[in-house]
Amino acid sequence: MSLGPHRGPNPCRARVPAVLRSRAIVVGSAVLAALLANYWVLEGALADRTNFDGSWISDLSTRSESSGGTFVALGVVAALVLLLYGVELVAVLGERGGPLRRGALAFLFAALETVVAASAPLSCAEGLEAACSLKEDPLDIVHSLATVGEIGGTILSFGLLGLGFLRAGRRRFAIVTFAFGAVWLVLTILTGVSYLSDGVDEIKGAFQRIDQMIFGIWLVVLACAATSTVQEADSGRR
């Protein structure tokens, strides 16, 4: 695929530390982020109480749970690793411009919102306490707003990155990204519907946990797609 004449070193690339663009580093960060994003698998061993089917993952880290601090720490660490991975994606795809760059920036925004949400635990566990009534204090409000931003940024990143891969001639990666995005969005909507349907409310936790596993797999696929796309572009310039 012709990418036009090579006119010397890319000044943007020169300003980005090479380590952030290393395929091994990017894929390794993606694997670590994927594993940490599913810290909920430790709930059986670390949480005071759990409900795989009916509780939110965020219920594990609420201020009403004595084990909540442990899961707040896990969530913050997971979010920071995701943020670092987002920085690497911007370093890898930023120079491509267009939808790929904007998709990487949307991912970075979503990761930043994840850090904020993880750092602001809710006042009580809605999925674990029948009598839970959120205080709607500053931490509850910040968590809710950050969660909305996180979801919006993730949806945007799926769409823009899929479009970017399509325009870059990486049709397979585009289809995979759109497919993962569609499944993730459907499951996210289903968990949201739990506020309107008691039937869904009883299994919202299972939907959210499956959603998170799918997201983790996509992180690794995205790392492979991003680094492969840039390597092909570099080969085309030589």
C-alpha atoms as a PDB file:
ATOM      1  CA  MET A   1       0.000   0.000   0.000  1.00  0.00           C
ATOM      2  CA  SER A   2       1.517   3.303  -1.060  1.00  0.00           C
ATOM      3  CA  LEU A   3       1.678   5.919   1.645  1.00  0.00           C
ATOM      4  CA  GLY A   4       3.379   8.632  -0.366  1.00  0.00           C
ATOM      5  CA  PRO A   5       7.036   9.720  -0.508  1.00  0.00           C
ATOM      6  CA  HIS A   6       9.079   9.658   2.669  1.00  0.00           C
ATOM      7  CA  ARG A   7      10.416  13.138   3.457  1.00  0.00           C
ATOM      8  CA  GLY A   8      12.661  12.349   6.392  1.00  0.00           C
ATOM      9  CA  PRO A   9      12.067  11.804  10.083  1.00  0.00           C
ATOM     10  CA  ASN A  10       8.632  12.598  11.442  1.00  0.00           C
ATOM     11  CA  PRO A  11       9.102  15.428  14.006  1.00  0.00           C
ATOM     12  CA  CYS A  12       6.106  14.181  16.033  1.00  0.00           C
ATOM     13  CA  ARG A  13       7.640  10.698  16.231  1.00  0.00           C
ATOM     14  CA  ALA A  14      10.988  12.186  17.300  1.00  0.00           C
ATOM     15  CA  ARG A  15       9.358  13.882  20.273  1.00  0.00           C
ATOM     16  CA  VAL A  16       7.727  10.666  21.538  1.00  0.00           C
ATOM     17  CA  PRO A  17       9.926   8.333  23.643  1.00  0.00           C
ATOM     18  CA  ALA A  18      10.630   5.225  21.582  1.00  0.00           C
ATOM     19  CA  VAL A  19       9.748   2.974  24.495  1.00  0.00           C
ATOM     20  CA  LEU A  20       6.109   4.130  24.325  1.00  0.00           C
ATOM     21  CA  ARG A  21       5.896   2.896  20.724  1.00  0.00           C
ATOM     22  CA  SER A  22       7.585  -0.456  21.289  1.00  0.00           C
ATOM     23  CA  ARG A  23       5.295  -3.304  20.220  1.00  0.00           C
ATOM     24  CA  ALA A  24       6.388  -5.427  23.179  1.00  0.00           C
ATOM     25  CA  ILE A  25       5.723  -2.597  25.652  1.00  0.00           C
ATOM     26  CA  VAL A  26       2.338  -1.686  24.144  1.00  0.00           C
ATOM     27  CA  VAL A  27       1.095  -5.285  23.989  1.00  0.00           C
ATOM     28  CA  GLY A  28       2.485  -5.972  27.464  1.00  0.00           C
ATOM     29  CA  SER A  29       0.682  -2.924  28.849  1.00  0.00           C
ATOM     30  CA  ALA A  30      -2.521  -4.072  27.163  1.00  0.00           C
ATOM     31  CA  VAL A  31      -2.281  -7.526  28.743  1.00  0.00           C
ATOM     32  CA  LEU A  32      -1.632  -6.003  32.177  1.00  0.00           C
ATOM     33  CA  ALA A  33      -4.491  -3.529  31.741  1.00  0.00           C
ATOM     34  CA  ALA A  34      -6.817  -6.342  30.642  1.00  0.00           C
ATOM     35  CA  LEU A  35      -5.984  -8.445  33.694  1.00  0.00           C
ATOM     36  CA  LEU A  36      -6.303  -5.555  36.150  1.00  0.00           C
ATOM     37  CA  ALA A  37      -9.542  -4.377  34.558  1.00  0.00           C
ATOM     38  CA  ASN A  38     -10.998  -7.661  35.747  1.00  0.00           C
ATOM     39  CA  TYR A  39      -9.898  -7.308  39.357  1.00  0.00           C
ATOM     40  CA  TRP A  40     -13.431  -8.330  40.291  1.00  0.00           C
ATOM     41  CA  VAL A  41     -12.332 -11.979  39.947  1.00  0.00           C
ATOM     42  CA  LEU A  42     -10.768 -11.535  43.396  1.00  0.00           C
ATOM     43  CA  GLU A  43     -14.128 -10.757  44.990  1.00  0.00           C
ATOM     44  CA  GLY A  44     -14.565 -14.277  46.316  1.00  0.00           C
ATOM     45  CA  ALA A  45     -11.262 -14.094  48.174  1.00  0.00           C
ATOM     46  CA  LEU A  46     -11.172 -10.449  49.267  1.00  0.00           C
ATOM     47  CA  ALA A  47     -14.721  -9.088  49.515  1.00  0.00           C
ATOM     48  CA  ASP A  48     -16.854  -9.268  52.650  1.00  0.00           C
ATOM     49  CA  ARG A  49     -19.841 -10.230  50.521  1.00  0.00           C
ATOM     50  CA  THR A  50     -20.504 -10.710  46.831  1.00  0.00           C
ATOM     51  CA  ASN A  51     -23.321 -11.263  44.385  1.00  0.00           C
ATOM     52  CA  PHE A  52     -21.979 -12.238  40.977  1.00  0.00           C
ATOM     53  CA  ASP A  53     -25.363 -12.014  39.269  1.00  0.00           C
ATOM     54  CA  GLY A  54     -26.974  -9.017  40.927  1.00  0.00           C
ATOM     55  CA  SER A  55     -24.275  -6.585  42.069  1.00  0.00           C
ATOM     56  CA  TRP A  56     -22.298  -3.940  40.227  1.00  0.00           C
ATOM     57  CA  ILE A  57     -18.524  -4.281  40.161  1.00  0.00           C
ATOM     58  CA  SER A  58     -18.391  -0.848  41.801  1.00  0.00           C
ATOM     59  CA  ASP A  59     -20.344  -2.283  44.755  1.00  0.00           C
ATOM     60  CA  LEU A  60     -17.121  -3.992  45.816  1.00  0.00           C
ATOM     61  CA  SER A  61     -15.421  -0.656  46.494  1.00  0.00           C
ATOM     62  CA  THR A  62     -18.218   1.280  48.199  1.00  0.00           C
ATOM     63  CA  ARG A  63     -17.608   3.165  51.429  1.00  0.00           C
ATOM     64  CA  SER A  64     -20.168   1.006  53.255  1.00  0.00           C
ATOM     65  CA  GLU A  65     -18.121  -2.174  52.759  1.00  0.00           C
ATOM     66  CA  SER A  66     -15.278  -2.867  55.195  1.00  0.00           C
ATOM     67  CA  SER A  67     -13.341  -4.458  52.320  1.00  0.00           C
ATOM     68  CA  GLY A  68     -14.153  -1.486  50.088  1.00  0.00           C
ATOM     69  CA  GLY A  69     -10.743   0.148  50.567  1.00  0.00           C
ATOM     70  CA  THR A  70      -9.006  -2.884  49.107  1.00  0.00           C
ATOM     71  CA  PHE A  71     -11.111  -2.728  45.964  1.00  0.00           C
ATOM     72  CA  VAL A  72     -10.741   1.051  45.705  1.00  0.00           C
ATOM     73  CA  ALA A  73      -6.977   0.511  45.617  1.00  0.00           C
ATOM     74  CA  LEU A  74      -7.322  -2.245  43.008  1.00  0.00           C
ATOM     75  CA  GLY A  75      -9.620  -0.086  40.904  1.00  0.00           C
ATOM     76  CA  VAL A  76      -7.299   2.922  41.020  1.00  0.00           C
ATOM     77  CA  VAL A  77      -4.266   0.818  40.082  1.00  0.00           C
ATOM     78  CA  ALA A  78      -6.221  -0.789  37.223  1.00  0.00           C
ATOM     79  CA  ALA A  79      -7.353   2.637  36.004  1.00  0.00           C
ATOM     80  CA  LEU A  80      -3.831   4.091  36.134  1.00  0.00           C
ATOM     81  CA  VAL A  81      -2.471   1.187  34.091  1.00  0.00           C
ATOM     82  CA  LEU A  82      -5.306   1.742  31.610  1.00  0.00           C
ATOM     83  CA  LEU A  83      -4.351   5.428  31.467  1.00  0.00           C
ATOM     84  CA  LEU A  84      -0.723   4.531  30.763  1.00  0.00           C
ATOM     85  CA  TYR A  85      -1.895   2.224  27.987  1.00  0.00           C
ATOM     86  CA  GLY A  86      -3.974   5.095  26.608  1.00  0.00           C
ATOM     87  CA  VAL A  87      -0.873   7.300  26.522  1.00  0.00           C
ATOM     88  CA  GLU A  88       0.927   4.572  24.586  1.00  0.00           C
ATOM     89  CA  LEU A  89      -1.944   4.327  22.096  1.00  0.00           C
ATOM     90  CA  VAL A  90      -1.781   8.066  21.488  1.00  0.00           C
ATOM     91  CA  ALA A  91       1.985   7.774  21.005  1.00  0.00           C
ATOM     92  CA  VAL A  92       1.512   4.942  18.491  1.00  0.00           C
ATOM     93  CA  LEU A  93      -1.534   6.213  16.574  1.00  0.00           C
ATOM     94  CA  GLY A  94      -1.276   9.964  17.112  1.00  0.00           C
ATOM     95  CA  GLU A  95       0.965  10.556  14.123  1.00  0.00           C
ATOM     96  CA  ARG A  96      -1.491   8.799  11.818  1.00  0.00           C
ATOM     97  CA  GLY A  97      -3.979  11.641  12.267  1.00  0.00           C
ATOM     98  CA  GLY A  98      -7.669  11.401  11.384  1.00  0.00           C
ATOM     99  CA  PRO A  99      -9.958   8.888  13.124  1.00  0.00           C
ATOM    100  CA  LEU A 100      -7.105   6.799  14.529  1.00  0.00           C
ATOM    101  CA  ARG A 101      -5.640   9.760  16.395  1.00  0.00           C
ATOM    102  CA  ARG A 102      -9.051  10.943  17.578  1.00  0.00           C
ATOM    103  CA  GLY A 103      -9.982   7.398  18.602  1.00  0.00           C
ATOM    104  CA  ALA A 104      -6.799   7.089  20.658  1.00  0.00           C
ATOM    105  CA  LEU A 105      -7.538  10.440  22.310  1.00  0.00           C
ATOM    106  CA  ALA A 106     -11.106   9.317  23.063  1.00  0.00           C
ATOM    107  CA  PHE A 107      -9.676   6.169  24.653  1.00  0.00           C
ATOM    108  CA  LEU A 108      -7.298   8.289  26.735  1.00  0.00           C
ATOM    109  CA  PHE A 109     -10.211  10.464  27.880  1.00  0.00           C
ATOM    110  CA  ALA A 110     -12.209   7.360  28.863  1.00  0.00           C
ATOM    111  CA  ALA A 111      -9.219   6.038  30.816  1.00  0.00           C
ATOM    112  CA  LEU A 112      -8.876   9.350  32.643  1.00  0.00           C
ATOM    113  CA  GLU A 113     -12.553   9.237  33.552  1.00  0.00           C
ATOM    114  CA  THR A 114     -12.008   5.693  34.823  1.00  0.00           C
ATOM    115  CA  VAL A 115      -9.302   6.988  37.177  1.00  0.00           C
ATOM    116  CA  VAL A 116     -11.698   9.638  38.486  1.00  0.00           C
ATOM    117  CA  ALA A 117     -14.563   7.158  38.969  1.00  0.00           C
ATOM    118  CA  ALA A 118     -12.330   4.624  40.722  1.00  0.00           C
ATOM    119  CA  SER A 119     -11.020   7.334  43.053  1.00  0.00           C
ATOM    120  CA  ALA A 120     -14.545   8.378  44.081  1.00  0.00           C
ATOM    121  CA  PRO A 121     -16.251   5.307  45.621  1.00  0.00           C
ATOM    122  CA  LEU A 122     -20.006   5.324  46.083  1.00  0.00           C
ATOM    123  CA  SER A 123     -21.518   5.673  49.541  1.00  0.00           C
ATOM    124  CA  CYS A 124     -23.222   2.265  49.595  1.00  0.00           C
ATOM    125  CA  ALA A 125     -23.573  -0.930  47.564  1.00  0.00           C
ATOM    126  CA  GLU A 126     -26.869  -0.834  45.661  1.00  0.00           C
ATOM    127  CA  GLY A 127     -26.491  -4.416  44.464  1.00  0.00           C
ATOM    128  CA  LEU A 128     -25.610  -5.808  47.892  1.00  0.00           C
ATOM    129  CA  GLU A 129     -27.804  -3.802  50.235  1.00  0.00           C
ATOM    130  CA  ALA A 130     -31.559  -3.758  49.761  1.00  0.00           C
ATOM    131  CA  ALA A 131     -31.731  -0.678  51.976  1.00  0.00           C
ATOM    132  CA  CYS A 132     -28.984   1.185  50.119  1.00  0.00           C
ATOM    133  CA  SER A 133     -29.850   4.783  49.309  1.00  0.00           C
ATOM    134  CA  LEU A 134     -26.973   6.780  47.875  1.00  0.00           C
ATOM    135  CA  LYS A 135     -26.179   9.919  49.858  1.00  0.00           C
ATOM    136  CA  GLU A 136     -25.653  11.837  46.597  1.00  0.00           C
ATOM    137  CA  ASP A 137     -22.718  13.569  48.248  1.00  0.00           C
ATOM    138  CA  PRO A 138     -19.766  14.935  46.215  1.00  0.00           C
ATOM    139  CA  LEU A 139     -18.112  11.515  45.834  1.00  0.00           C
ATOM    140  CA  ASP A 140     -21.355   9.905  44.618  1.00  0.00           C
ATOM    141  CA  ILE A 141     -21.882  12.695  42.100  1.00  0.00           C
ATOM    142  CA  VAL A 142     -18.285  12.633  40.861  1.00  0.00           C
ATOM    143  CA  HIS A 143     -18.417   8.846  40.462  1.00  0.00           C
ATOM    144  CA  SER A 144     -21.674   8.979  38.494  1.00  0.00           C
ATOM    145  CA  LEU A 145     -20.513  11.779  36.181  1.00  0.00           C
ATOM    146  CA  ALA A 146     -17.145  10.132  35.586  1.00  0.00           C
ATOM    147  CA  THR A 147     -18.858   6.829  34.767  1.00  0.00           C
ATOM    148  CA  VAL A 148     -20.982   8.577  32.133  1.00  0.00           C
ATOM    149  CA  GLY A 149     -17.841  10.141  30.663  1.00  0.00           C
ATOM    150  CA  GLU A 150     -16.063   6.802  30.715  1.00  0.00           C
ATOM    151  CA  ILE A 151     -18.869   5.083  28.812  1.00  0.00           C
ATOM    152  CA  GLY A 152     -19.178   7.917  26.305  1.00  0.00           C
ATOM    153  CA  GLY A 153     -15.429   8.026  25.671  1.00  0.00           C
ATOM    154  CA  THR A 154     -15.267   4.258  25.217  1.00  0.00           C
ATOM    155  CA  ILE A 155     -18.127   4.237  22.712  1.00  0.00           C
ATOM    156  CA  LEU A 156     -16.462   7.057  20.792  1.00  0.00           C
ATOM    157  CA  SER A 157     -13.110   5.254  20.787  1.00  0.00           C
ATOM    158  CA  PHE A 158     -14.648   2.040  19.435  1.00  0.00           C
ATOM    159  CA  GLY A 159     -16.301   3.950  16.590  1.00  0.00           C
ATOM    160  CA  LEU A 160     -13.356   6.187  15.664  1.00  0.00           C
ATOM    161  CA  LEU A 161     -10.734   3.448  15.894  1.00  0.00           C
ATOM    162  CA  GLY A 162     -12.853   1.090  13.805  1.00  0.00           C
ATOM    163  CA  LEU A 163     -13.301   3.800  11.188  1.00  0.00           C
ATOM    164  CA  GLY A 164      -9.602   4.625  11.327  1.00  0.00           C
ATOM    165  CA  PHE A 165      -8.543   1.029  10.735  1.00  0.00           C
ATOM    166  CA  LEU A 166     -11.009   0.820   7.854  1.00  0.00           C
ATOM    167  CA  ARG A 167      -9.575   3.941   6.211  1.00  0.00           C
ATOM    168  CA  ALA A 168      -6.040   2.643   6.766  1.00  0.00           C
ATOM    169  CA  GLY A 169      -6.907  -0.470   4.766  1.00  0.00           C
ATOM    170  CA  ARG A 170      -6.925  -2.744   7.825  1.00  0.00           C
ATOM    171  CA  ARG A 171     -10.420  -4.084   7.199  1.00  0.00           C
ATOM    172  CA  ARG A 172     -10.015  -7.116   9.462  1.00  0.00           C
ATOM    173  CA  PHE A 173      -9.043  -4.973  12.432  1.00  0.00           C
ATOM    174  CA  ALA A 174     -11.896  -2.593  11.660  1.00  0.00           C
ATOM    175  CA  ILE A 175     -14.471  -5.394  11.638  1.00  0.00           C
ATOM    176  CA  VAL A 176     -13.102  -6.851  14.887  1.00  0.00           C
ATOM    177  CA  THR A 177     -13.186  -3.421  16.562  1.00  0.00           C
ATOM    178  CA  PHE A 178     -16.760  -2.748  15.441  1.00  0.00           C
ATOM    179  CA  ALA A 179     -17.795  -6.248  16.563  1.00  0.00           C
ATOM    180  CA  PHE A 180     -16.250  -5.886  20.017  1.00  0.00           C
ATOM    181  CA  GLY A 181     -17.761  -2.418  20.279  1.00  0.00           C
ATOM    182  CA  ALA A 182     -21.228  -3.650  19.363  1.00  0.00           C
ATOM    183  CA  VAL A 183     -21.162  -6.482  21.912  1.00  0.00           C
ATOM    184  CA  TRP A 184     -19.744  -4.195  24.603  1.00  0.00           C
ATOM    185  CA  LEU A 185     -22.421  -1.578  23.907  1.00  0.00           C
ATOM    186  CA  VAL A 186     -25.274  -4.105  23.993  1.00  0.00           C
ATOM    187  CA  LEU A 187     -24.108  -5.487  27.337  1.00  0.00           C
ATOM    188  CA  THR A 188     -23.625  -1.968  28.712  1.00  0.00           C
ATOM    189  CA  ILE A 189     -27.157  -1.060  27.679  1.00  0.00           C
ATOM    190  CA  LEU A 190     -28.508  -4.243  29.260  1.00  0.00           C
ATOM    191  CA  THR A 191     -26.857  -3.399  32.578  1.00  0.00           C
ATOM    192  CA  GLY A 192     -28.316   0.104  32.355  1.00  0.00           C
ATOM    193  CA  VAL A 193     -31.799  -1.281  31.697  1.00  0.00           C
ATOM    194  CA  SER A 194     -31.623  -2.883  35.153  1.00  0.00           C
ATOM    195  CA  TYR A 195     -32.845   0.407  36.580  1.00  0.00           C
ATOM    196  CA  LEU A 196     -36.087  -0.097  34.664  1.00  0.00           C
ATOM    197  CA  SER A 197     -36.551  -3.865  34.824  1.00  0.00           C
ATOM    198  CA  ASP A 198     -36.449  -6.085  37.908  1.00  0.00           C
ATOM    199  CA  GLY A 199     -35.782  -9.120  35.736  1.00  0.00           C
ATOM    200  CA  VAL A 200     -32.597  -7.628  34.293  1.00  0.00           C
ATOM    201  CA  ASP A 201     -31.650  -6.233  37.703  1.00  0.00           C
ATOM    202  CA  GLU A 202     -31.174  -9.776  38.977  1.00  0.00           C
ATOM    203  CA  ILE A 203     -28.491 -10.531  36.368  1.00  0.00           C
ATOM    204  CA  LYS A 204     -26.955  -7.092  35.754  1.00  0.00           C
ATOM    205  CA  GLY A 205     -23.795  -8.124  37.606  1.00  0.00           C
ATOM    206  CA  ALA A 206     -23.212 -11.073  35.296  1.00  0.00           C
ATOM    207  CA  PHE A 207     -23.715  -8.850  32.240  1.00  0.00           C
ATOM    208  CA  GLN A 208     -21.275  -6.253  33.561  1.00  0.00           C
ATOM    209  CA  ARG A 209     -18.600  -8.809  34.395  1.00  0.00           C
ATOM    210  CA  ILE A 210     -18.877 -10.442  30.979  1.00  0.00           C
ATOM    211  CA  ASP A 211     -18.738  -6.952  29.477  1.00  0.00           C
ATOM    212  CA  GLN A 212     -15.515  -6.278  31.355  1.00  0.00           C
ATOM    213  CA  MET A 213     -13.942  -9.526  30.155  1.00  0.00           C
ATOM    214  CA  ILE A 214     -14.792  -8.606  26.552  1.00  0.00           C
ATOM    215  CA  PHE A 215     -13.276  -5.173  27.097  1.00  0.00           C
ATOM    216  CA  GLY A 216     -10.094  -6.782  28.408  1.00  0.00           C
ATOM    217  CA  ILE A 217      -9.769  -9.009  25.343  1.00  0.00           C
ATOM    218  CA  TRP A 218     -10.295  -5.983  23.095  1.00  0.00           C
ATOM    219  CA  LEU A 219      -7.468  -4.109  24.829  1.00  0.00           C
ATOM    220  CA  VAL A 220      -5.010  -6.784  23.702  1.00  0.00           C
ATOM    221  CA  VAL A 221      -6.498  -7.001  20.199  1.00  0.00           C
ATOM    222  CA  LEU A 222      -6.304  -3.211  19.917  1.00  0.00           C
ATOM    223  CA  ALA A 223      -2.633  -3.199  20.909  1.00  0.00           C
ATOM    224  CA  CYS A 224      -1.838  -5.752  18.212  1.00  0.00           C
ATOM    225  CA  ALA A 225      -3.901  -3.837  15.639  1.00  0.00           C
ATOM    226  CA  ALA A 226      -2.375  -0.456  16.462  1.00  0.00           C
ATOM    227  CA  THR A 227       1.244  -1.588  16.418  1.00  0.00           C
ATOM    228  CA  SER A 228       0.730  -3.709  13.295  1.00  0.00           C
ATOM    229  CA  THR A 229      -0.900  -0.798  11.441  1.00  0.00           C
ATOM    230  CA  VAL A 230       1.953   1.564  12.272  1.00  0.00           C
ATOM    231  CA  GLN A 231       4.608  -1.014  11.379  1.00  0.00           C
ATOM    232  CA  GLU A 232       2.987  -1.514   7.980  1.00  0.00           C
ATOM    233  CA  ALA A 233       2.892   2.247   7.444  1.00  0.00           C
ATOM    234  CA  ASP A 234       6.572   2.521   8.358  1.00  0.00           C
ATOM    235  CA  SER A 235       7.453  -0.246   5.915  1.00  0.00           C
ATOM    236  CA  GLY A 236       5.517   1.568   3.181  1.00  0.00           C
ATOM    237  CA  ARG A 237       7.559   4.732   3.702  1.00  0.00           C
ATOM    238  CA  ARG A 238      10.908   3.001   3.253  1.00  0.00           C
END
